């Protein structure tokens, strides 16, 4: 019984130390690609599909955005 308790205490000490080392170990943060932001390639493809499907279902939106005054009001980058 004495050896069991000693072994259990040693195991718990090792487990505690390994958990502590894991918690404080530096893990580099993933750097996002500036072109795609934080989206994976699959997520980006899904977003493109959703946007394309919406624009196909609502062609009047494209007509509105093609008007210079409205397009600039909705998208300031269109002014350039």
PDB file of N, CA and C in Angstrom:
ATOM      1  N   UNK A   1       0.824  -1.188   0.000  1.00  0.00           N
ATOM      2  CA  UNK A   1       0.000   0.000   0.000  1.00  0.00           C
ATOM      3  C   UNK A   1       0.873   1.258   0.000  1.00  0.00           C
ATOM      4  N   UNK A   2       1.993   1.165   0.737  1.00  0.00           N
ATOM      5  CA  UNK A   2       2.897   2.305   0.819  1.00  0.00           C
ATOM      6  C   UNK A   2       3.469   2.656  -0.556  1.00  0.00           C
ATOM      7  N   UNK A   3       3.848   1.656  -1.326  1.00  0.00           N
ATOM      8  CA  UNK A   3       4.411   1.889  -2.653  1.00  0.00           C
ATOM      9  C   UNK A   3       3.366   2.444  -3.608  1.00  0.00           C
ATOM     10  N   UNK A   4       2.150   2.009  -3.443  1.00  0.00           N
ATOM     11  CA  UNK A   4       1.064   2.517  -4.284  1.00  0.00           C
ATOM     12  C   UNK A   4       0.870   4.012  -4.065  1.00  0.00           C
ATOM     13  N   UNK A   5       0.880   4.430  -2.820  1.00  0.00           N
ATOM     14  CA  UNK A   5       0.690   5.848  -2.495  1.00  0.00           C
ATOM     15  C   UNK A   5       1.871   6.669  -3.016  1.00  0.00           C
ATOM     16  N   UNK A   6       3.082   6.155  -2.855  1.00  0.00           N
ATOM     17  CA  UNK A   6       4.264   6.870  -3.341  1.00  0.00           C
ATOM     18  C   UNK A   6       4.211   6.991  -4.857  1.00  0.00           C
ATOM     19  N   UNK A   7       3.885   5.896  -5.532  1.00  0.00           N
ATOM     20  CA  UNK A   7       3.788   5.925  -6.985  1.00  0.00           C
ATOM     21  C   UNK A   7       2.680   6.861  -7.456  1.00  0.00           C
ATOM     22  N   UNK A   8       1.566   6.866  -6.759  1.00  0.00           N
ATOM     23  CA  UNK A   8       0.461   7.753  -7.110  1.00  0.00           C
ATOM     24  C   UNK A   8       0.868   9.211  -6.949  1.00  0.00           C
ATOM     25  N   UNK A   9       1.566   9.530  -5.877  1.00  0.00           N
ATOM     26  CA  UNK A   9       2.026  10.898  -5.656  1.00  0.00           C
ATOM     27  C   UNK A   9       3.042  11.325  -6.716  1.00  0.00           C
ATOM     28  N   UNK A  10       3.947  10.415  -7.079  1.00  0.00           N
ATOM     29  CA  UNK A  10       4.911  10.724  -8.139  1.00  0.00           C
ATOM     30  C   UNK A  10       4.214  10.943  -9.477  1.00  0.00           C
ATOM     31  N   UNK A  11       3.240  10.104  -9.766  1.00  0.00           N
ATOM     32  CA  UNK A  11       2.484  10.251 -11.007  1.00  0.00           C
ATOM     33  C   UNK A  11       1.760  11.590 -11.037  1.00  0.00           C
ATOM     34  N   UNK A  12       1.119  11.960  -9.936  1.00  0.00           N
ATOM     35  CA  UNK A  12       0.389  13.225  -9.881  1.00  0.00           C
ATOM     36  C   UNK A  12       1.343  14.413 -10.000  1.00  0.00           C
ATOM     37  N   UNK A  13       2.518  14.307  -9.425  1.00  0.00           N
ATOM     38  CA  UNK A  13       3.507  15.382  -9.525  1.00  0.00           C
ATOM     39  C   UNK A  13       3.976  15.539 -10.966  1.00  0.00           C
ATOM     40  N   UNK A  14       4.262  14.430 -11.621  1.00  0.00           N
ATOM     41  CA  UNK A  14       4.694  14.484 -13.029  1.00  0.00           C
ATOM     42  C   UNK A  14       3.585  15.035 -13.918  1.00  0.00           C
ATOM     43  N   UNK A  15       2.375  14.626 -13.663  1.00  0.00           N
ATOM     44  CA  UNK A  15       1.242  15.118 -14.438  1.00  0.00           C
ATOM     45  C   UNK A  15       1.056  16.617 -14.249  1.00  0.00           C
ATOM     46  N   UNK A  16       1.190  17.074 -13.036  1.00  0.00           N
ATOM     47  CA  UNK A  16       1.054  18.504 -12.745  1.00  0.00           C
ATOM     48  C   UNK A  16       2.136  19.312 -13.454  1.00  0.00           C
ATOM     49  N   UNK A  17       3.359  18.838 -13.398  1.00  0.00           N
ATOM     50  CA  UNK A  17       4.467  19.540 -14.045  1.00  0.00           C
ATOM     51  C   UNK A  17       4.274  19.564 -15.554  1.00  0.00           C
ATOM     52  N   UNK A  18       3.868  18.448 -16.137  1.00  0.00           N
ATOM     53  CA  UNK A  18       3.683  18.419 -17.593  1.00  0.00           C
ATOM     54  C   UNK A  18       2.535  19.327 -18.017  1.00  0.00           C
ATOM     55  N   UNK A  19       1.471  19.389 -17.226  1.00  0.00           N
ATOM     56  CA  UNK A  19       0.365  20.301 -17.542  1.00  0.00           C
ATOM     57  C   UNK A  19       0.811  21.749 -17.436  1.00  0.00           C
ATOM     58  N   UNK A  20       1.605  22.050 -16.442  1.00  0.00           N
ATOM     59  CA  UNK A  20       2.102  23.405 -16.270  1.00  0.00           C
ATOM     60  C   UNK A  20       3.012  23.797 -17.432  1.00  0.00           C
ATOM     61  N   UNK A  21       3.895  22.913 -17.828  1.00  0.00           N
ATOM     62  CA  UNK A  21       4.785  23.204 -18.951  1.00  0.00           C
ATOM     63  C   UNK A  21       4.010  23.369 -20.251  1.00  0.00           C
ATOM     64  N   UNK A  22       2.979  22.578 -20.436  1.00  0.00           N
ATOM     65  CA  UNK A  22       2.150  22.696 -21.632  1.00  0.00           C
ATOM     66  C   UNK A  22       1.412  24.027 -21.642  1.00  0.00           C
ATOM     67  N   UNK A  23       0.932  24.459 -20.479  1.00  0.00           N
ATOM     68  CA  UNK A  23       0.145  25.687 -20.398  1.00  0.00           C
ATOM     69  C   UNK A  23       0.988  26.926 -20.656  1.00  0.00           C
ATOM     70  N   UNK A  24       2.247  26.914 -20.279  1.00  0.00           N
ATOM     71  CA  UNK A  24       3.079  28.105 -20.441  1.00  0.00           C
ATOM     72  C   UNK A  24       3.996  28.036 -21.658  1.00  0.00           C
ATOM     73  N   UNK A  25       3.934  26.966 -22.415  1.00  0.00           N
ATOM     74  CA  UNK A  25       4.806  26.859 -23.581  1.00  0.00           C
ATOM     75  C   UNK A  25       4.334  27.821 -24.666  1.00  0.00           C
ATOM     76  N   UNK A  26       5.267  28.522 -25.292  1.00  0.00           N
ATOM     77  CA  UNK A  26       4.874  29.475 -26.341  1.00  0.00           C
ATOM     78  C   UNK A  26       4.458  28.739 -27.607  1.00  0.00           C
ATOM     79  N   UNK A  27       3.288  29.049 -28.062  1.00  0.00           N
ATOM     80  CA  UNK A  27       2.770  28.477 -29.302  1.00  0.00           C
ATOM     81  C   UNK A  27       2.581  29.633 -30.269  1.00  0.00           C
ATOM     82  N   UNK A  28       3.248  29.588 -31.411  1.00  0.00           N
ATOM     83  CA  UNK A  28       3.107  30.711 -32.339  1.00  0.00           C
ATOM     84  C   UNK A  28       1.680  30.801 -32.872  1.00  0.00           C
ATOM     85  N   UNK A  29       1.169  32.008 -32.911  1.00  0.00           N
ATOM     86  CA  UNK A  29      -0.171  32.237 -33.436  1.00  0.00           C
ATOM     87  C   UNK A  29      -0.126  32.154 -34.954  1.00  0.00           C
ATOM     88  N   UNK A  30      -1.160  31.583 -35.548  1.00  0.00           N
ATOM     89  CA  UNK A  30      -1.182  31.524 -37.008  1.00  0.00           C
ATOM     90  C   UNK A  30      -1.305  32.927 -37.588  1.00  0.00           C
ATOM     91  N   UNK A  31      -0.526  33.187 -38.614  1.00  0.00           N
ATOM     92  CA  UNK A  31      -0.582  34.507 -39.242  1.00  0.00           C
ATOM     93  C   UNK A  31      -1.571  34.455 -40.403  1.00  0.00           C
ATOM     94  N   UNK A  32      -2.585  35.327 -40.375  1.00  0.00           N
ATOM     95  CA  UNK A  32      -3.562  35.309 -41.453  1.00  0.00           C
ATOM     96  C   UNK A  32      -2.980  35.870 -42.743  1.00  0.00           C
ATOM     97  N   UNK A  33      -3.435  35.349 -43.848  1.00  0.00           N
ATOM     98  CA  UNK A  33      -3.033  35.840 -45.154  1.00  0.00           C
ATOM     99  C   UNK A  33      -3.775  37.144 -45.407  1.00  0.00           C
ATOM    100  N   UNK A  34      -3.083  38.247 -45.686  1.00  0.00           N
ATOM    101  CA  UNK A  34      -3.775  39.519 -45.864  1.00  0.00           C
ATOM    102  C   UNK A  34      -4.783  39.504 -47.003  1.00  0.00           C
ATOM    103  N   UNK A  35      -4.549  38.677 -48.008  1.00  0.00           N
ATOM    104  CA  UNK A  35      -5.462  38.647 -49.150  1.00  0.00           C
ATOM    105  C   UNK A  35      -6.778  37.960 -48.815  1.00  0.00           C
ATOM    106  N   UNK A  36      -6.755  36.952 -47.957  1.00  0.00           N
ATOM    107  CA  UNK A  36      -7.967  36.200 -47.662  1.00  0.00           C
ATOM    108  C   UNK A  36      -8.460  36.393 -46.241  1.00  0.00           C
ATOM    109  N   UNK A  37      -7.726  37.121 -45.406  1.00  0.00           N
ATOM    110  CA  UNK A  37      -8.150  37.296 -44.024  1.00  0.00           C
ATOM    111  C   UNK A  37      -7.949  36.019 -43.247  1.00  0.00           C
ATOM    112  N   UNK A  38      -8.907  35.680 -42.432  1.00  0.00           N
ATOM    113  CA  UNK A  38      -8.797  34.485 -41.602  1.00  0.00           C
ATOM    114  C   UNK A  38      -9.529  33.294 -42.187  1.00  0.00           C
ATOM    115  N   UNK A  39      -9.968  33.370 -43.422  1.00  0.00           N
ATOM    116  CA  UNK A  39     -10.758  32.296 -44.023  1.00  0.00           C
ATOM    117  C   UNK A  39      -9.868  31.235 -44.652  1.00  0.00           C
ATOM    118  N   UNK A  40     -10.279  29.983 -44.517  1.00  0.00           N
ATOM    119  CA  UNK A  40      -9.586  28.899 -45.203  1.00  0.00           C
ATOM    120  C   UNK A  40     -10.013  28.912 -46.668  1.00  0.00           C
ATOM    121  N   UNK A  41      -9.346  28.133 -47.476  1.00  0.00           N
ATOM    122  CA  UNK A  41      -9.683  28.076 -48.894  1.00  0.00           C
ATOM    123  C   UNK A  41     -11.107  27.554 -49.092  1.00  0.00           C
ATOM    124  N   UNK A  42     -11.496  26.583 -48.281  1.00  0.00           N
ATOM    125  CA  UNK A  42     -12.853  26.032 -48.387  1.00  0.00           C
ATOM    126  C   UNK A  42     -13.899  27.073 -47.990  1.00  0.00           C
ATOM    127  N   UNK A  43     -13.643  27.804 -46.905  1.00  0.00           N
ATOM    128  CA  UNK A  43     -14.583  28.833 -46.481  1.00  0.00           C
ATOM    129  C   UNK A  43     -14.695  29.928 -47.531  1.00  0.00           C
ATOM    130  N   UNK A  44     -13.578  30.312 -48.110  1.00  0.00           N
ATOM    131  CA  UNK A  44     -13.595  31.346 -49.142  1.00  0.00           C
ATOM    132  C   UNK A  44     -14.402  30.883 -50.359  1.00  0.00           C
ATOM    133  N   UNK A  45     -14.254  29.628 -50.747  1.00  0.00           N
ATOM    134  CA  UNK A  45     -15.020  29.100 -51.879  1.00  0.00           C
ATOM    135  C   UNK A  45     -16.515  29.089 -51.554  1.00  0.00           C
ATOM    136  N   UNK A  46     -16.874  28.740 -50.323  1.00  0.00           N
ATOM    137  CA  UNK A  46     -18.283  28.739 -49.931  1.00  0.00           C
ATOM    138  C   UNK A  46     -18.863  30.148 -49.944  1.00  0.00           C
ATOM    139  N   UNK A  47     -18.097  31.125 -49.482  1.00  0.00           N
ATOM    140  CA  UNK A  47     -18.555  32.517 -49.501  1.00  0.00           C
ATOM    141  C   UNK A  47     -18.758  32.988 -50.936  1.00  0.00           C
ATOM    142  N   UNK A  48     -17.815  32.672 -51.808  1.00  0.00           N
ATOM    143  CA  UNK A  48     -17.946  33.063 -53.212  1.00  0.00           C
ATOM    144  C   UNK A  48     -19.190  32.436 -53.834  1.00  0.00           C
ATOM    145  N   UNK A  49     -19.466  31.188 -53.508  1.00  0.00           N
ATOM    146  CA  UNK A  49     -20.653  30.513 -54.037  1.00  0.00           C
ATOM    147  C   UNK A  49     -21.933  31.184 -53.545  1.00  0.00           C
ATOM    148  N   UNK A  50     -21.974  31.537 -52.272  1.00  0.00           N
ATOM    149  CA  UNK A  50     -23.165  32.179 -51.708  1.00  0.00           C
ATOM    150  C   UNK A  50     -23.393  33.547 -52.354  1.00  0.00           C
ATOM    151  N   UNK A  51     -22.329  34.324 -52.490  1.00  0.00           N
ATOM    152  CA  UNK A  51     -22.462  35.651 -53.104  1.00  0.00           C
ATOM    153  C   UNK A  51     -22.898  35.527 -54.552  1.00  0.00           C
ATOM    154  N   UNK A  52     -22.287  34.619 -55.289  1.00  0.00           N
ATOM    155  CA  UNK A  52     -22.657  34.429 -56.692  1.00  0.00           C
ATOM    156  C   UNK A  52     -24.109  33.991 -56.813  1.00  0.00           C
ATOM    157  N   UNK A  53     -24.551  33.068 -55.975  1.00  0.00           N
ATOM    158  CA  UNK A  53     -25.940  32.605 -56.014  1.00  0.00           C
ATOM    159  C   UNK A  53     -26.903  33.752 -55.716  1.00  0.00           C
ATOM    160  N   UNK A  54     -26.542  34.597 -54.754  1.00  0.00           N
ATOM    161  CA  UNK A  54     -27.409  35.727 -54.404  1.00  0.00           C
ATOM    162  C   UNK A  54     -27.490  36.716 -55.557  1.00  0.00           C
ATOM    163  N   UNK A  55     -26.358  37.004 -56.184  1.00  0.00           N
ATOM    164  CA  UNK A  55     -26.369  37.966 -57.284  1.00  0.00           C
ATOM    165  C   UNK A  55     -27.118  37.431 -58.493  1.00  0.00           C
ATOM    166  N   UNK A  56     -27.044  36.149 -58.736  1.00  0.00           N
ATOM    167  CA  UNK A  56     -27.803  35.556 -59.843  1.00  0.00           C
ATOM    168  C   UNK A  56     -29.297  35.629 -59.543  1.00  0.00           C
ATOM    169  N   UNK A  57     -29.673  35.429 -58.290  1.00  0.00           N
ATOM    170  CA  UNK A  57     -31.089  35.470 -57.904  1.00  0.00           C
ATOM    171  C   UNK A  57     -31.627  36.897 -57.842  1.00  0.00           C
ATOM    172  N   UNK A  58     -30.758  37.896 -57.721  1.00  0.00           N
ATOM    173  CA  UNK A  58     -31.176  39.293 -57.613  1.00  0.00           C
ATOM    174  C   UNK A  58     -30.414  40.161 -58.626  1.00  0.00           C
ATOM    175  N   UNK A  59     -30.690  40.014 -59.914  1.00  0.00           N
ATOM    176  CA  UNK A  59     -29.949  40.789 -60.917  1.00  0.00           C
ATOM    177  C   UNK A  59     -30.222  42.294 -60.825  1.00  0.00           C
ATOM    178  N   UNK A  60     -31.362  42.685 -60.242  1.00  0.00           N
ATOM    179  CA  UNK A  60     -31.651  44.105 -60.104  1.00  0.00           C
ATOM    180  C   UNK A  60     -30.625  44.810 -59.213  1.00  0.00           C
ATOM    181  N   UNK A  61     -30.042  44.092 -58.297  1.00  0.00           N
ATOM    182  CA  UNK A  61     -29.015  44.668 -57.440  1.00  0.00           C
ATOM    183  C   UNK A  61     -27.794  45.066 -58.259  1.00  0.00           C
ATOM    184  N   UNK A  62     -27.415  44.242 -59.214  1.00  0.00           N
ATOM    185  CA  UNK A  62     -26.280  44.576 -60.075  1.00  0.00           C
ATOM    186  C   UNK A  62     -26.585  45.798 -60.928  1.00  0.00           C
ATOM    187  N   UNK A  63     -27.830  45.901 -61.381  1.00  0.00           N
ATOM    188  CA  UNK A  63     -28.216  47.069 -62.180  1.00  0.00           C
ATOM    189  C   UNK A  63     -28.132  48.339 -61.337  1.00  0.00           C
ATOM    190  N   UNK A  64     -28.578  48.269 -60.100  1.00  0.00           N
ATOM    191  CA  UNK A  64     -28.509  49.441 -59.217  1.00  0.00           C
ATOM    192  C   UNK A  64     -27.057  49.836 -58.941  1.00  0.00           C
ATOM    193  N   UNK A  65     -26.217  48.859 -58.684  1.00  0.00           N
ATOM    194  CA  UNK A  65     -24.826  49.152 -58.359  1.00  0.00           C
ATOM    195  C   UNK A  65     -24.034  49.622 -59.572  1.00  0.00           C
ATOM    196  N   UNK A  66     -24.534  49.346 -60.770  1.00  0.00           N
ATOM    197  CA  UNK A  66     -23.820  49.799 -61.964  1.00  0.00           C
ATOM    198  C   UNK A  66     -24.060  51.281 -62.231  1.00  0.00           C
ATOM    199  N   UNK A  67     -25.059  51.883 -61.578  1.00  0.00           N
ATOM    200  CA  UNK A  67     -25.298  53.324 -61.710  1.00  0.00           C
ATOM    201  C   UNK A  67     -24.206  54.047 -60.926  1.00  0.00           C
ATOM    202  N   UNK A  68     -23.513  55.001 -61.549  1.00  0.00           N
ATOM    203  CA  UNK A  68     -22.357  55.626 -60.883  1.00  0.00           C
ATOM    204  C   UNK A  68     -22.662  56.270 -59.534  1.00  0.00           C
ATOM    205  N   UNK A  69     -23.768  57.004 -59.420  1.00  0.00           N
ATOM    206  CA  UNK A  69     -24.056  57.702 -58.167  1.00  0.00           C
ATOM    207  C   UNK A  69     -24.332  56.703 -57.048  1.00  0.00           C
ATOM    208  N   UNK A  70     -25.161  55.717 -57.299  1.00  0.00           N
ATOM    209  CA  UNK A  70     -25.516  54.752 -56.267  1.00  0.00           C
ATOM    210  C   UNK A  70     -24.333  53.856 -55.940  1.00  0.00           C
ATOM    211  N   UNK A  71     -23.583  53.459 -56.938  1.00  0.00           N
ATOM    212  CA  UNK A  71     -22.423  52.600 -56.704  1.00  0.00           C
ATOM    213  C   UNK A  71     -21.405  53.263 -55.803  1.00  0.00           C
ATOM    214  N   UNK A  72     -21.188  54.574 -55.985  1.00  0.00           N
ATOM    215  CA  UNK A  72     -20.239  55.284 -55.138  1.00  0.00           C
ATOM    216  C   UNK A  72     -20.771  55.461 -53.724  1.00  0.00           C
ATOM    217  N   UNK A  73     -22.097  55.618 -53.591  1.00  0.00           N
ATOM    218  CA  UNK A  73     -22.668  55.788 -52.260  1.00  0.00           C
ATOM    219  C   UNK A  73     -22.581  54.480 -51.468  1.00  0.00           C
ATOM    220  N   UNK A  74     -22.796  53.354 -52.143  1.00  0.00           N
ATOM    221  CA  UNK A  74     -22.754  52.067 -51.461  1.00  0.00           C
ATOM    222  C   UNK A  74     -21.334  51.616 -51.215  1.00  0.00           C
ATOM    223  N   UNK A  75     -20.464  51.819 -52.179  1.00  0.00           N
ATOM    224  CA  UNK A  75     -19.084  51.333 -52.084  1.00  0.00           C
ATOM    225  C   UNK A  75     -18.122  52.500 -52.327  1.00  0.00           C
ATOM    226  N   UNK A  76     -17.614  53.109 -51.270  1.00  0.00           N
ATOM    227  CA  UNK A  76     -16.700  54.249 -51.441  1.00  0.00           C
ATOM    228  C   UNK A  76     -15.464  53.922 -52.276  1.00  0.00           C
ATOM    229  N   UNK A  77     -15.045  52.662 -52.310  1.00  0.00           N
ATOM    230  CA  UNK A  77     -13.880  52.296 -53.113  1.00  0.00           C
ATOM    231  C   UNK A  77     -14.157  52.415 -54.604  1.00  0.00           C
ATOM    232  N   UNK A  78     -15.425  52.472 -54.986  1.00  0.00           N
ATOM    233  CA  UNK A  78     -15.776  52.588 -56.405  1.00  0.00           C
ATOM    234  C   UNK A  78     -15.459  53.963 -56.958  1.00  0.00           C
ATOM    235  N   UNK A  79     -15.197  54.935 -56.100  1.00  0.00           N
ATOM    236  CA  UNK A  79     -14.882  56.298 -56.550  1.00  0.00           C
ATOM    237  C   UNK A  79     -13.534  56.369 -57.237  1.00  0.00           C
ATOM    238  N   UNK A  80     -12.670  55.472 -56.918  1.00  0.00           N
ATOM    239  CA  UNK A  80     -11.301  55.528 -57.466  1.00  0.00           C
ATOM    240  C   UNK A  80     -11.205  54.916 -58.817  1.00  0.00           C
TER     241      UNK A  80
END
